N, C-alpha and C. Protein backbone atom coordinates (compact mmCIF):
# COMPACT_ATOMS: atom_id res chain seq x y z
N MET A 1 0.84 -1.18 0.00
CA MET A 1 0.00 0.00 0.00
C MET A 1 0.89 1.25 0.00
N ARG A 2 0.50 2.23 -0.77
CA ARG A 2 1.27 3.47 -0.86
C ARG A 2 0.68 4.51 0.07
N SER A 3 1.54 5.32 0.63
CA SER A 3 1.11 6.36 1.54
C SER A 3 0.68 7.59 0.75
N ALA A 4 -0.31 8.29 1.26
CA ALA A 4 -0.76 9.53 0.63
C ALA A 4 -0.01 10.72 1.20
N THR A 5 0.75 10.48 2.27
CA THR A 5 1.51 11.55 2.90
C THR A 5 2.71 11.92 2.05
N ARG A 6 2.87 13.20 1.76
CA ARG A 6 3.98 13.68 0.93
C ARG A 6 5.32 13.29 1.55
N ARG A 7 5.43 13.43 2.84
CA ARG A 7 6.68 13.13 3.54
C ARG A 7 7.09 11.67 3.35
N LYS A 8 6.16 10.76 3.50
CA LYS A 8 6.47 9.34 3.36
C LYS A 8 6.70 8.95 1.91
N SER A 9 5.98 9.59 1.00
CA SER A 9 6.17 9.30 -0.42
C SER A 9 7.57 9.71 -0.88
N ARG A 10 8.02 10.87 -0.44
CA ARG A 10 9.37 11.33 -0.77
C ARG A 10 10.43 10.42 -0.15
N LYS A 11 10.19 10.00 1.07
CA LYS A 11 11.12 9.09 1.74
C LYS A 11 11.24 7.79 0.96
N ASN A 12 10.11 7.23 0.55
CA ASN A 12 10.12 5.98 -0.21
C ASN A 12 10.80 6.15 -1.57
N TYR A 13 10.59 7.30 -2.22
CA TYR A 13 11.20 7.57 -3.52
C TYR A 13 12.72 7.62 -3.41
N PHE A 14 13.23 8.35 -2.44
CA PHE A 14 14.68 8.53 -2.33
C PHE A 14 15.40 7.35 -1.69
N ARG A 15 14.69 6.50 -0.97
CA ARG A 15 15.30 5.32 -0.35
C ARG A 15 14.95 4.03 -1.09
N ALA A 16 14.41 4.14 -2.28
CA ALA A 16 13.98 2.96 -3.03
C ALA A 16 15.18 2.08 -3.40
N PRO A 17 15.02 0.74 -3.28
CA PRO A 17 16.09 -0.15 -3.72
C PRO A 17 16.21 -0.16 -5.24
N ILE A 18 17.33 -0.69 -5.74
CA ILE A 18 17.65 -0.62 -7.17
C ILE A 18 16.59 -1.29 -8.04
N HIS A 19 15.99 -2.39 -7.59
CA HIS A 19 15.00 -3.07 -8.43
C HIS A 19 13.71 -2.27 -8.57
N GLU A 20 13.43 -1.38 -7.61
CA GLU A 20 12.26 -0.50 -7.73
C GLU A 20 12.61 0.76 -8.53
N ARG A 21 13.85 1.21 -8.44
CA ARG A 21 14.28 2.38 -9.21
C ARG A 21 14.23 2.08 -10.70
N ARG A 22 14.50 0.84 -11.08
CA ARG A 22 14.45 0.45 -12.49
C ARG A 22 13.06 0.68 -13.06
N LYS A 23 12.03 0.39 -12.27
CA LYS A 23 10.65 0.58 -12.71
C LYS A 23 10.30 2.06 -12.85
N GLN A 24 11.06 2.93 -12.17
CA GLN A 24 10.78 4.37 -12.20
C GLN A 24 11.43 5.06 -13.40
N VAL A 25 12.28 4.35 -14.14
CA VAL A 25 12.94 4.93 -15.32
C VAL A 25 12.08 4.60 -16.54
N LYS A 26 10.90 5.22 -16.60
CA LYS A 26 9.94 4.98 -17.68
C LYS A 26 9.82 6.21 -18.56
N ALA A 27 9.47 5.97 -19.82
CA ALA A 27 9.23 7.05 -20.77
C ALA A 27 8.01 6.70 -21.61
N PRO A 28 7.28 7.71 -22.08
CA PRO A 28 6.13 7.44 -22.93
C PRO A 28 6.55 6.87 -24.28
N LEU A 29 5.67 6.11 -24.89
CA LEU A 29 5.91 5.53 -26.21
C LEU A 29 5.35 6.44 -27.29
N SER A 30 5.91 6.36 -28.49
CA SER A 30 5.38 7.13 -29.62
C SER A 30 4.01 6.55 -30.00
N SER A 31 3.24 7.28 -30.78
CA SER A 31 1.88 6.85 -31.11
C SER A 31 1.88 5.52 -31.89
N GLU A 32 2.89 5.30 -32.74
CA GLU A 32 2.96 4.04 -33.50
C GLU A 32 3.22 2.86 -32.55
N LEU A 33 4.14 3.05 -31.60
CA LEU A 33 4.45 1.98 -30.65
C LEU A 33 3.29 1.72 -29.70
N ARG A 34 2.54 2.77 -29.35
CA ARG A 34 1.36 2.60 -28.49
C ARG A 34 0.36 1.65 -29.12
N LYS A 35 0.12 1.85 -30.42
CA LYS A 35 -0.84 0.98 -31.12
C LYS A 35 -0.30 -0.44 -31.24
N GLU A 36 1.00 -0.56 -31.49
CA GLU A 36 1.62 -1.87 -31.68
C GLU A 36 1.69 -2.67 -30.37
N LEU A 37 2.13 -2.03 -29.30
CA LEU A 37 2.35 -2.73 -28.03
C LEU A 37 1.15 -2.66 -27.08
N LYS A 38 0.19 -1.77 -27.38
CA LYS A 38 -0.99 -1.57 -26.55
C LYS A 38 -0.60 -1.19 -25.11
N LYS A 39 0.41 -0.32 -25.03
CA LYS A 39 0.88 0.23 -23.75
C LYS A 39 1.12 1.72 -23.93
N ARG A 40 1.08 2.47 -22.83
CA ARG A 40 1.31 3.91 -22.88
C ARG A 40 2.77 4.26 -22.67
N ASN A 41 3.45 3.53 -21.78
CA ASN A 41 4.85 3.82 -21.50
C ASN A 41 5.62 2.52 -21.28
N SER A 42 6.94 2.66 -21.20
CA SER A 42 7.79 1.49 -21.04
C SER A 42 9.07 1.88 -20.33
N VAL A 43 9.70 0.91 -19.68
CA VAL A 43 10.99 1.12 -19.05
C VAL A 43 12.02 1.34 -20.15
N VAL A 44 12.88 2.35 -20.00
CA VAL A 44 13.89 2.67 -21.01
C VAL A 44 15.07 1.72 -20.83
N LYS A 45 15.52 1.12 -21.93
CA LYS A 45 16.65 0.20 -21.91
C LYS A 45 17.72 0.65 -22.89
N LYS A 46 18.93 0.17 -22.67
CA LYS A 46 20.05 0.49 -23.54
C LYS A 46 19.75 -0.03 -24.95
N GLY A 47 19.99 0.79 -25.96
CA GLY A 47 19.75 0.39 -27.34
C GLY A 47 18.45 0.93 -27.92
N TYR A 48 17.53 1.38 -27.08
CA TYR A 48 16.28 1.97 -27.58
C TYR A 48 16.59 3.28 -28.29
N THR A 49 15.79 3.63 -29.27
CA THR A 49 15.91 4.92 -29.93
C THR A 49 14.87 5.86 -29.33
N VAL A 50 15.31 7.04 -28.91
CA VAL A 50 14.41 7.99 -28.26
C VAL A 50 14.54 9.36 -28.92
N LYS A 51 13.51 10.18 -28.73
CA LYS A 51 13.51 11.55 -29.23
C LYS A 51 13.27 12.47 -28.04
N VAL A 52 14.12 13.50 -27.90
CA VAL A 52 13.99 14.44 -26.80
C VAL A 52 12.85 15.41 -27.10
N MET A 53 11.93 15.56 -26.14
CA MET A 53 10.75 16.40 -26.36
C MET A 53 10.82 17.73 -25.58
N ARG A 54 11.64 17.80 -24.54
CA ARG A 54 11.74 19.01 -23.72
C ARG A 54 13.19 19.34 -23.43
N GLY A 55 13.45 20.60 -23.17
CA GLY A 55 14.78 21.03 -22.78
C GLY A 55 15.57 21.62 -23.93
N SER A 56 16.84 21.89 -23.67
CA SER A 56 17.69 22.55 -24.67
C SER A 56 18.04 21.63 -25.84
N HIS A 57 17.85 20.33 -25.69
CA HIS A 57 18.14 19.37 -26.76
C HIS A 57 16.87 18.91 -27.47
N LYS A 58 15.81 19.68 -27.37
CA LYS A 58 14.50 19.32 -27.94
C LYS A 58 14.62 19.05 -29.44
N GLY A 59 14.01 17.95 -29.88
CA GLY A 59 14.01 17.59 -31.29
C GLY A 59 15.10 16.62 -31.70
N LYS A 60 16.12 16.46 -30.87
CA LYS A 60 17.21 15.55 -31.21
C LYS A 60 16.78 14.11 -30.95
N GLU A 61 17.29 13.22 -31.81
CA GLU A 61 16.95 11.80 -31.70
C GLU A 61 18.24 11.00 -31.65
N GLY A 62 18.24 9.95 -30.87
CA GLY A 62 19.44 9.12 -30.77
C GLY A 62 19.18 7.84 -30.02
N ARG A 63 20.23 7.01 -29.98
CA ARG A 63 20.15 5.72 -29.31
C ARG A 63 20.59 5.87 -27.86
N VAL A 64 19.94 5.16 -26.95
CA VAL A 64 20.30 5.19 -25.53
C VAL A 64 21.59 4.39 -25.36
N ILE A 65 22.64 5.04 -24.82
CA ILE A 65 23.92 4.36 -24.65
C ILE A 65 24.14 3.91 -23.21
N ARG A 66 23.40 4.49 -22.27
CA ARG A 66 23.55 4.11 -20.87
C ARG A 66 22.31 4.51 -20.10
N VAL A 67 21.93 3.67 -19.12
CA VAL A 67 20.81 3.97 -18.23
C VAL A 67 21.33 3.90 -16.81
N SER A 68 21.15 4.97 -16.04
CA SER A 68 21.57 5.00 -14.64
C SER A 68 20.34 4.84 -13.77
N TYR A 69 20.18 3.66 -13.18
CA TYR A 69 19.03 3.41 -12.32
C TYR A 69 19.16 4.12 -10.98
N MET A 70 20.39 4.26 -10.50
CA MET A 70 20.60 4.93 -9.21
C MET A 70 20.21 6.41 -9.29
N LYS A 71 20.56 7.07 -10.41
CA LYS A 71 20.24 8.49 -10.57
C LYS A 71 18.94 8.71 -11.33
N ARG A 72 18.36 7.63 -11.88
CA ARG A 72 17.14 7.69 -12.68
C ARG A 72 17.31 8.61 -13.89
N LEU A 73 18.43 8.44 -14.63
CA LEU A 73 18.75 9.25 -15.80
C LEU A 73 19.17 8.36 -16.96
N ILE A 74 19.04 8.89 -18.19
CA ILE A 74 19.51 8.17 -19.36
C ILE A 74 20.51 9.03 -20.12
N TYR A 75 21.38 8.36 -20.88
CA TYR A 75 22.39 9.04 -21.68
C TYR A 75 22.15 8.65 -23.13
N ILE A 76 22.10 9.65 -24.02
CA ILE A 76 21.74 9.44 -25.42
C ILE A 76 22.94 9.75 -26.31
N GLU A 77 23.13 8.90 -27.32
CA GLU A 77 24.22 9.06 -28.28
C GLU A 77 24.05 10.37 -29.04
N GLY A 78 25.11 11.17 -29.10
CA GLY A 78 25.06 12.42 -29.85
C GLY A 78 24.68 13.63 -29.03
N ILE A 79 24.23 13.44 -27.80
CA ILE A 79 23.89 14.57 -26.93
C ILE A 79 24.98 14.67 -25.88
N THR A 80 25.88 15.65 -26.07
CA THR A 80 27.05 15.79 -25.20
C THR A 80 27.23 17.22 -24.75
N ARG A 81 28.12 17.39 -23.79
CA ARG A 81 28.52 18.72 -23.34
C ARG A 81 30.00 18.66 -22.97
N PRO A 82 30.73 19.76 -23.12
CA PRO A 82 32.16 19.73 -22.78
C PRO A 82 32.37 19.77 -21.28
N ASN A 83 33.39 19.01 -20.81
CA ASN A 83 33.74 19.08 -19.40
C ASN A 83 34.86 20.10 -19.20
N ALA A 84 35.45 20.15 -18.02
CA ALA A 84 36.47 21.15 -17.71
C ALA A 84 37.70 21.02 -18.60
N ARG A 85 38.01 19.82 -19.03
CA ARG A 85 39.18 19.60 -19.89
C ARG A 85 38.89 19.89 -21.36
N GLY A 86 37.61 20.10 -21.69
CA GLY A 86 37.23 20.34 -23.07
C GLY A 86 36.78 19.10 -23.80
N GLU A 87 36.78 17.95 -23.12
CA GLU A 87 36.32 16.69 -23.73
C GLU A 87 34.79 16.66 -23.73
N ASP A 88 34.22 16.00 -24.71
CA ASP A 88 32.76 15.86 -24.76
C ASP A 88 32.33 14.68 -23.93
N LYS A 89 31.38 14.92 -23.01
CA LYS A 89 30.82 13.89 -22.15
C LYS A 89 29.31 13.81 -22.42
N PRO A 90 28.72 12.61 -22.34
CA PRO A 90 27.27 12.48 -22.55
C PRO A 90 26.49 13.27 -21.50
N THR A 91 25.43 13.93 -21.93
CA THR A 91 24.58 14.71 -21.05
C THR A 91 23.46 13.84 -20.51
N PRO A 92 23.28 13.79 -19.19
CA PRO A 92 22.17 13.01 -18.64
C PRO A 92 20.83 13.70 -18.88
N ILE A 93 19.81 12.91 -19.20
CA ILE A 93 18.47 13.44 -19.45
C ILE A 93 17.47 12.59 -18.68
N HIS A 94 16.48 13.24 -18.08
CA HIS A 94 15.45 12.51 -17.35
C HIS A 94 14.54 11.81 -18.36
N PRO A 95 14.18 10.55 -18.11
CA PRO A 95 13.38 9.80 -19.10
C PRO A 95 11.99 10.37 -19.38
N SER A 96 11.45 11.18 -18.47
CA SER A 96 10.13 11.77 -18.73
C SER A 96 10.19 12.83 -19.82
N ASN A 97 11.39 13.28 -20.17
CA ASN A 97 11.56 14.31 -21.20
C ASN A 97 11.79 13.75 -22.59
N VAL A 98 11.68 12.44 -22.75
CA VAL A 98 11.89 11.81 -24.05
C VAL A 98 10.68 10.96 -24.42
N VAL A 99 10.62 10.58 -25.70
CA VAL A 99 9.61 9.65 -26.21
C VAL A 99 10.34 8.51 -26.88
N ILE A 100 9.97 7.29 -26.56
CA ILE A 100 10.59 6.12 -27.17
C ILE A 100 10.01 5.96 -28.57
N THR A 101 10.90 5.98 -29.60
CA THR A 101 10.43 5.86 -30.98
C THR A 101 10.66 4.47 -31.55
N SER A 102 11.66 3.75 -31.02
CA SER A 102 11.93 2.39 -31.50
C SER A 102 12.54 1.58 -30.36
N ILE A 103 12.06 0.33 -30.22
CA ILE A 103 12.59 -0.52 -29.15
C ILE A 103 13.54 -1.59 -29.70
N LYS A 104 13.80 -1.53 -30.98
CA LYS A 104 14.72 -2.52 -31.56
C LYS A 104 16.14 -2.07 -31.32
N GLY A 105 16.91 -2.92 -30.63
CA GLY A 105 18.27 -2.56 -30.25
C GLY A 105 19.25 -3.12 -31.15
């Protein structure tokens, strides 16, 4: 049973074990995939193709190269930012800001 109390809900969210955090890394499916899979959203996995819908990288599409369950973030191929040394590092994006366009890895 889930608590309706904000305090307890936040506590459960931040103290969630890794197997529950995996379920929280979900993203909505594109309209074609919704019809095909008869689902609204899905857990994001490495190799899926996603399209960024919000933020400074809006409109970019790429393959998921890494999923961080501990931080609940995904890393997409081609979306990078320079670090202090000037090297390009993948930019983390929250999965709610993307749409899954293809699940074939």
